[in-house]
Amino acid sequence: MNATAKERLKKQLKPKRKQFGDKLPLRFQKIIKAWKSWEQAENSVEELELLHRMVHSVAGSAGTFGYFKLGEKAREIEIVLK
């Protein structure tokens, strides 16, 4: 990919990055709620799978939008949840 294409891609991702960042607090709240549901459900497999999917989603998308540390930490949590 040449420099012009990289700049064009970076420009296209900028609003998506902001949108991703704006939604993070809500995503974190949902993850915390899922964690609590898992604990209250006496560690049910279904609740664990939901929690895993939510963390996996953050782990997979964070780096794409420039949140590299968040992606790394989410991946670490995901590994523990597997």
Protein backbone atom coordinates (compact mmCIF):
# COMPACT_ATOMS: atom_id res chain seq x y z
CA MET A 1 0.00 0.00 0.00
CA ASN A 2 1.49 3.34 -1.02
CA ALA A 3 1.58 6.46 1.14
CA THR A 4 -1.42 8.04 -0.58
CA ALA A 5 -3.58 4.97 -0.03
CA LYS A 6 -2.49 4.81 3.62
CA GLU A 7 -3.43 8.44 4.17
CA ARG A 8 -6.79 7.93 2.48
CA LEU A 9 -7.49 4.89 4.67
CA LYS A 10 -6.40 6.76 7.78
CA LYS A 11 -8.75 9.62 6.88
CA GLN A 12 -11.63 7.20 6.30
CA LEU A 13 -11.04 5.46 9.64
CA LYS A 14 -10.83 8.67 11.68
CA PRO A 15 -14.61 9.09 12.20
CA LYS A 16 -14.94 5.34 12.85
CA ARG A 17 -12.20 5.58 15.47
CA LYS A 18 -14.07 8.37 17.24
CA GLN A 19 -17.32 6.42 17.04
CA PHE A 20 -15.60 3.35 18.49
CA GLY A 21 -14.11 5.44 21.32
CA ASP A 22 -17.42 7.11 22.07
CA LYS A 23 -19.08 3.72 22.49
CA LEU A 24 -16.41 2.27 24.79
CA PRO A 25 -17.97 3.38 28.11
CA LEU A 26 -21.23 1.63 27.21
CA ARG A 27 -19.36 -1.47 26.06
CA PHE A 28 -17.44 -1.55 29.34
CA GLN A 29 -20.69 -1.23 31.30
CA LYS A 30 -22.15 -4.16 29.34
CA ILE A 31 -19.03 -6.26 29.96
CA ILE A 32 -19.19 -5.53 33.69
CA LYS A 33 -22.88 -6.43 33.72
CA ALA A 34 -22.13 -9.68 31.87
CA TRP A 35 -19.35 -10.47 34.36
CA LYS A 36 -21.72 -9.94 37.29
CA SER A 37 -24.40 -12.06 35.60
CA TRP A 38 -21.86 -14.84 35.13
CA GLU A 39 -20.90 -14.71 38.79
CA GLN A 40 -24.53 -14.63 39.94
CA ALA A 41 -25.44 -17.51 37.64
CA GLU A 42 -22.90 -19.62 39.50
CA ASN A 43 -20.45 -19.50 36.61
CA SER A 44 -22.87 -20.74 33.93
CA VAL A 45 -21.37 -21.72 30.60
CA GLU A 46 -23.88 -19.59 28.69
CA GLU A 47 -23.03 -16.47 30.67
CA LEU A 48 -19.31 -17.17 30.27
CA GLU A 49 -19.72 -17.53 26.50
CA LEU A 50 -21.54 -14.20 26.33
CA LEU A 51 -18.82 -12.51 28.37
CA HIS A 52 -16.13 -14.09 26.19
CA ARG A 53 -17.81 -12.88 22.97
CA MET A 54 -18.06 -9.34 24.31
CA VAL A 55 -14.39 -9.22 25.32
CA HIS A 56 -13.37 -10.93 22.08
CA SER A 57 -15.17 -8.22 20.12
CA VAL A 58 -13.25 -5.47 21.91
CA ALA A 59 -9.97 -7.37 21.53
CA GLY A 60 -10.52 -7.78 17.82
CA SER A 61 -11.61 -4.26 16.98
CA ALA A 62 -9.59 -2.09 19.37
CA GLY A 63 -6.34 -2.32 17.42
CA THR A 64 -8.08 -1.52 14.15
CA PHE A 65 -9.10 1.83 15.56
CA GLY A 66 -5.78 2.64 17.22
CA TYR A 67 -6.55 1.45 20.74
CA PHE A 68 -3.61 -0.94 20.83
CA LYS A 69 -3.16 -1.22 24.61
CA LEU A 70 -6.88 -1.82 25.06
CA GLY A 71 -6.72 -4.55 22.43
CA GLU A 72 -3.79 -6.20 24.19
CA LYS A 73 -5.49 -6.13 27.58
CA ALA A 74 -8.79 -7.39 26.17
CA ARG A 75 -6.90 -10.24 24.48
CA GLU A 76 -5.30 -11.16 27.82
CA ILE A 77 -8.75 -11.25 29.45
CA GLU A 78 -10.12 -13.26 26.53
CA ILE A 79 -7.39 -15.89 26.98
CA VAL A 80 -8.26 -16.24 30.67
CA LEU A 81 -11.95 -16.61 29.83
CA LYS A 82 -11.39 -19.42 27.31
